[in-house]
Each structure stands twice: as structure tokens, then as C-alpha cells.
Amino acid sequence: MFMALFTAGYFILFLSIIDRAFRGAPIGPVSNTFTIIAWVAAFIISVGLGDFTAKKARAGKAPSLFAALFILAWFLLFSAVLGLVFRFAPIGPVSDIFVIIAYGIALIASIGLGNFTAKKARDGNRTVNCQTKCNRS
């Protein structure tokens, strides 16, 4: 179950990158073939990454589900902002490279902020529990 969830998440991420990469390509058999090859490659990579992430999660070496939800929330927020920023950008290889770099930076920032948010949420929960227990004694 975890593998399917992680595979779907990775594949959706790759689909947005593939969409941006082939958005300005002319319609024809060559570009359609390259798009299909990119989808197949993205699916194979997604299955590999999903399996790897699921194995790490089962071993207890991956971030908790709580942290993963915060990472996803931050990434969706950054994706929405980047979608608004690059909506009217001209279509071309230079702007596509900037978009892919921006999404990479957003993913890295999401991982950092998601882990930070999860850590603060856990620490805040312990602080409240400690204050409650300390006041009782």
C-alpha cells in the first residue's frame, strides 16, 4: 500500500515536469513518441523510488507520516505560487529550465520546512504535556 502511494506521488510530480518540458513542442509523431517515452521512464523511476521509500518507511529510517504530510502541504503551496508566477511566462527552453529549477528549489524547501514544522509540532505537544503534568504536582 505504501509503495503504491509513494509511486503515485512521485509519478504525479514527474508528470508536471514532463508537461512543462513538452508544452512548447510541436504536435507530431516525433514529439508524441518522446512524450510517451518520458511517461514510461517517469513511471519506471517512480516505481523504483516508491519501492525505495516504502522500504525505508518500513525500516523506520524515513520521516514519519506526520512529516510527510507537512512536506506535501508545503510543496502544494509552493506549486500553487509557482503556477501563478509562471502562468504568463513565455514558452521556451530558457523559461522551462527556470521552471524546473524553481520546482527543484521548492521541493528542497518543502522537505526542510516540512521536517521543521513536524519537529515544532512534536516539541509543542511535549511542552504542553509537560506544563500540564508540572502544574498538577
C-alpha atoms as a PDB file:
ATOM      1  CA  MET A   1       0.000   0.000   0.000  1.00  0.00           C
ATOM      2  CA  PHE A   2       2.785   2.407   0.917  1.00  0.00           C
ATOM      3  CA  MET A   3       4.595   1.616  -2.319  1.00  0.00           C
ATOM      4  CA  ALA A   4       1.518   2.460  -4.405  1.00  0.00           C
ATOM      5  CA  LEU A   5       1.001   5.722  -2.521  1.00  0.00           C
ATOM      6  CA  PHE A   6       4.613   6.823  -2.898  1.00  0.00           C
ATOM      7  CA  THR A   7       4.729   5.698  -6.543  1.00  0.00           C
ATOM      8  CA  ALA A   8       1.633   7.756  -7.341  1.00  0.00           C
ATOM      9  CA  GLY A   9       3.116  10.798  -5.611  1.00  0.00           C
ATOM     10  CA  TYR A  10       6.390  10.556  -7.494  1.00  0.00           C
ATOM     11  CA  PHE A  11       4.616   9.934 -10.805  1.00  0.00           C
ATOM     12  CA  ILE A  12       2.381  12.997 -10.367  1.00  0.00           C
ATOM     13  CA  LEU A  13       5.474  15.082  -9.646  1.00  0.00           C
ATOM     14  CA  PHE A  14       7.186  13.775 -12.792  1.00  0.00           C
ATOM     15  CA  LEU A  15       4.059  14.375 -14.899  1.00  0.00           C
ATOM     16  CA  SER A  16       4.066  18.073 -14.059  1.00  0.00           C
ATOM     17  CA  ILE A  17       7.731  18.314 -15.075  1.00  0.00           C
ATOM     18  CA  ILE A  18       7.107  16.371 -18.319  1.00  0.00           C
ATOM     19  CA  ASP A  19       4.117  18.580 -19.104  1.00  0.00           C
ATOM     20  CA  ARG A  20       6.235  21.689 -18.717  1.00  0.00           C
ATOM     21  CA  ALA A  21       9.099  20.228 -20.747  1.00  0.00           C
ATOM     22  CA  PHE A  22       6.930  19.255 -23.739  1.00  0.00           C
ATOM     23  CA  ARG A  23       4.451  22.124 -23.595  1.00  0.00           C
ATOM     24  CA  GLY A  24       6.057  24.092 -26.424  1.00  0.00           C
ATOM     25  CA  ALA A  25       6.837  21.097 -28.622  1.00  0.00           C
ATOM     26  CA  PRO A  26       5.087  20.965 -31.976  1.00  0.00           C
ATOM     27  CA  ILE A  27       2.377  18.364 -32.344  1.00  0.00           C
ATOM     28  CA  GLY A  28       3.630  15.447 -34.378  1.00  0.00           C
ATOM     29  CA  PRO A  29       4.676  11.830 -34.216  1.00  0.00           C
ATOM     30  CA  VAL A  30       8.218  12.574 -33.038  1.00  0.00           C
ATOM     31  CA  SER A  31       7.231  14.770 -30.097  1.00  0.00           C
ATOM     32  CA  ASN A  32       4.389  12.419 -29.171  1.00  0.00           C
ATOM     33  CA  THR A  33       6.820   9.488 -29.174  1.00  0.00           C
ATOM     34  CA  PHE A  34       9.238  11.377 -26.932  1.00  0.00           C
ATOM     35  CA  THR A  35       6.392  12.271 -24.583  1.00  0.00           C
ATOM     36  CA  ILE A  36       5.312   8.636 -24.298  1.00  0.00           C
ATOM     37  CA  ILE A  37       8.921   7.559 -23.713  1.00  0.00           C
ATOM     38  CA  ALA A  38       9.202  10.206 -20.975  1.00  0.00           C
ATOM     39  CA  TRP A  39       5.970   8.930 -19.346  1.00  0.00           C
ATOM     40  CA  VAL A  40       7.240   5.345 -19.369  1.00  0.00           C
ATOM     41  CA  ALA A  41      10.622   6.402 -17.958  1.00  0.00           C
ATOM     42  CA  ALA A  42       8.882   8.503 -15.287  1.00  0.00           C
ATOM     43  CA  PHE A  43       6.696   5.562 -14.312  1.00  0.00           C
ATOM     44  CA  ILE A  44       9.676   3.206 -14.040  1.00  0.00           C
ATOM     45  CA  ILE A  45      11.614   5.737 -11.957  1.00  0.00           C
ATOM     46  CA  SER A  46       8.515   6.362  -9.809  1.00  0.00           C
ATOM     47  CA  VAL A  47       8.124   2.643  -9.098  1.00  0.00           C
ATOM     48  CA  GLY A  48      11.787   2.432  -8.083  1.00  0.00           C
ATOM     49  CA  LEU A  49      11.586   5.499  -5.864  1.00  0.00           C
ATOM     50  CA  GLY A  50       8.272   4.329  -4.385  1.00  0.00           C
ATOM     51  CA  ASP A  51       9.741   0.943  -3.517  1.00  0.00           C
ATOM     52  CA  PHE A  52      12.838   2.555  -2.012  1.00  0.00           C
ATOM     53  CA  THR A  53      10.760   4.993   0.067  1.00  0.00           C
ATOM     54  CA  ALA A  54       8.381   2.241   1.242  1.00  0.00           C
ATOM     55  CA  LYS A  55      11.324   0.066   2.342  1.00  0.00           C
ATOM     56  CA  LYS A  56      12.809   2.994   4.261  1.00  0.00           C
ATOM     57  CA  ALA A  57       9.436   3.713   5.880  1.00  0.00           C
ATOM     58  CA  ARG A  58       9.054   0.075   6.984  1.00  0.00           C
ATOM     59  CA  ALA A  59      12.577   0.100   8.410  1.00  0.00           C
ATOM     60  CA  GLY A  60      11.799   3.249  10.388  1.00  0.00           C
ATOM     61  CA  LYS A  61      14.500   5.269   8.637  1.00  0.00           C
ATOM     62  CA  ALA A  62      12.184   7.533   6.667  1.00  0.00           C
ATOM     63  CA  PRO A  63      10.476  10.633   8.006  1.00  0.00           C
ATOM     64  CA  SER A  64       7.247   9.955   9.803  1.00  0.00           C
ATOM     65  CA  LEU A  65       3.912  10.167   8.058  1.00  0.00           C
ATOM     66  CA  PHE A  66       3.293  13.347  10.042  1.00  0.00           C
ATOM     67  CA  ALA A  67       6.385  14.964   8.491  1.00  0.00           C
ATOM     68  CA  ALA A  68       5.454  13.651   5.036  1.00  0.00           C
ATOM     69  CA  LEU A  69       2.053  15.339   5.267  1.00  0.00           C
ATOM     70  CA  PHE A  70       3.683  18.652   6.160  1.00  0.00           C
ATOM     71  CA  ILE A  71       6.164  18.241   3.286  1.00  0.00           C
ATOM     72  CA  LEU A  72       3.278  17.594   0.892  1.00  0.00           C
ATOM     73  CA  ALA A  73       1.355  20.606   2.202  1.00  0.00           C
ATOM     74  CA  TRP A  74       4.352  22.929   1.786  1.00  0.00           C
ATOM     75  CA  PHE A  75       5.071  21.584  -1.704  1.00  0.00           C
ATOM     76  CA  LEU A  76       1.457  22.087  -2.804  1.00  0.00           C
ATOM     77  CA  LEU A  77       1.613  25.646  -1.507  1.00  0.00           C
ATOM     78  CA  PHE A  78       4.849  26.342  -3.368  1.00  0.00           C
ATOM     79  CA  SER A  79       3.468  24.674  -6.519  1.00  0.00           C
ATOM     80  CA  ALA A  80       0.399  26.903  -6.446  1.00  0.00           C
ATOM     81  CA  VAL A  81       2.569  30.007  -6.089  1.00  0.00           C
ATOM     82  CA  LEU A  82       4.923  28.886  -8.866  1.00  0.00           C
ATOM     83  CA  GLY A  83       1.938  28.122 -11.092  1.00  0.00           C
ATOM     84  CA  LEU A  84       0.730  31.693 -10.657  1.00  0.00           C
ATOM     85  CA  VAL A  85       4.204  33.154 -11.184  1.00  0.00           C
ATOM     86  CA  PHE A  86       4.993  31.188 -14.338  1.00  0.00           C
ATOM     87  CA  ARG A  87       1.495  31.202 -15.829  1.00  0.00           C
ATOM     88  CA  PHE A  88       2.272  34.030 -18.226  1.00  0.00           C
ATOM     89  CA  ALA A  89       5.929  33.208 -18.810  1.00  0.00           C
ATOM     90  CA  PRO A  90       6.810  32.762 -22.476  1.00  0.00           C
ATOM     91  CA  ILE A  91       7.126  29.165 -23.612  1.00  0.00           C
ATOM     92  CA  GLY A  92      10.688  28.274 -24.484  1.00  0.00           C
ATOM     93  CA  PRO A  93      13.656  26.261 -23.315  1.00  0.00           C
ATOM     94  CA  VAL A  94      15.045  29.002 -21.061  1.00  0.00           C
ATOM     95  CA  SER A  95      11.790  29.545 -19.184  1.00  0.00           C
ATOM     96  CA  ASP A  96      11.273  25.781 -18.936  1.00  0.00           C
ATOM     97  CA  ILE A  97      14.706  25.400 -17.346  1.00  0.00           C
ATOM     98  CA  PHE A  98      13.863  28.161 -14.855  1.00  0.00           C
ATOM     99  CA  VAL A  99      10.570  26.444 -14.015  1.00  0.00           C
ATOM    100  CA  ILE A 100      12.255  23.088 -13.418  1.00  0.00           C
ATOM    101  CA  ILE A 101      14.920  24.742 -11.249  1.00  0.00           C
ATOM    102  CA  ALA A 102      12.203  26.596  -9.308  1.00  0.00           C
ATOM    103  CA  TYR A 103      10.292  23.353  -8.693  1.00  0.00           C
ATOM    104  CA  GLY A 104      13.505  21.682  -7.516  1.00  0.00           C
ATOM    105  CA  ILE A 105      14.145  24.521  -5.082  1.00  0.00           C
ATOM    106  CA  ALA A 106      10.506  24.322  -3.955  1.00  0.00           C
ATOM    107  CA  LEU A 107      10.881  20.585  -3.307  1.00  0.00           C
ATOM    108  CA  ILE A 108      14.054  21.100  -1.269  1.00  0.00           C
ATOM    109  CA  ALA A 109      12.454  23.954   0.692  1.00  0.00           C
ATOM    110  CA  SER A 110       9.333  21.833   1.259  1.00  0.00           C
ATOM    111  CA  ILE A 111      11.369  18.997   2.721  1.00  0.00           C
ATOM    112  CA  GLY A 112      13.177  21.352   5.084  1.00  0.00           C
ATOM    113  CA  LEU A 113      10.058  23.242   6.133  1.00  0.00           C
ATOM    114  CA  GLY A 114       8.003  20.043   6.472  1.00  0.00           C
ATOM    115  CA  ASN A 115      10.550  18.450   8.785  1.00  0.00           C
ATOM    116  CA  PHE A 116      10.891  21.704  10.742  1.00  0.00           C
ATOM    117  CA  THR A 117       7.109  22.036  11.085  1.00  0.00           C
ATOM    118  CA  ALA A 118       6.728  18.427  12.218  1.00  0.00           C
ATOM    119  CA  LYS A 119       9.523  18.843  14.743  1.00  0.00           C
ATOM    120  CA  LYS A 120       8.000  22.024  16.132  1.00  0.00           C
ATOM    121  CA  ALA A 121       4.570  20.395  16.309  1.00  0.00           C
ATOM    122  CA  ARG A 122       6.005  17.451  18.257  1.00  0.00           C
ATOM    123  CA  ASP A 123       8.019  19.731  20.572  1.00  0.00           C
ATOM    124  CA  GLY A 124       4.997  21.951  21.177  1.00  0.00           C
ATOM    125  CA  ASN A 125       2.929  18.909  22.104  1.00  0.00           C
ATOM    126  CA  ARG A 126       5.537  17.793  24.628  1.00  0.00           C
ATOM    127  CA  THR A 127       5.773  21.283  26.100  1.00  0.00           C
ATOM    128  CA  VAL A 128       2.021  21.421  26.665  1.00  0.00           C
ATOM    129  CA  ASN A 129       2.031  17.946  28.226  1.00  0.00           C
ATOM    130  CA  CYS A 130       4.945  18.857  30.481  1.00  0.00           C
ATOM    131  CA  GLN A 131       3.259  22.068  31.624  1.00  0.00           C
ATOM    132  CA  THR A 132       0.044  20.208  32.356  1.00  0.00           C
ATOM    133  CA  LYS A 133       1.841  17.500  34.334  1.00  0.00           C
ATOM    134  CA  CYS A 134       4.063  20.018  36.119  1.00  0.00           C
ATOM    135  CA  ASN A 135       1.080  22.120  37.214  1.00  0.00           C
ATOM    136  CA  ARG A 136      -0.671  19.070  38.680  1.00  0.00           C
ATOM    137  CA  SER A 137       2.184  18.292  41.064  1.00  0.00           C
END
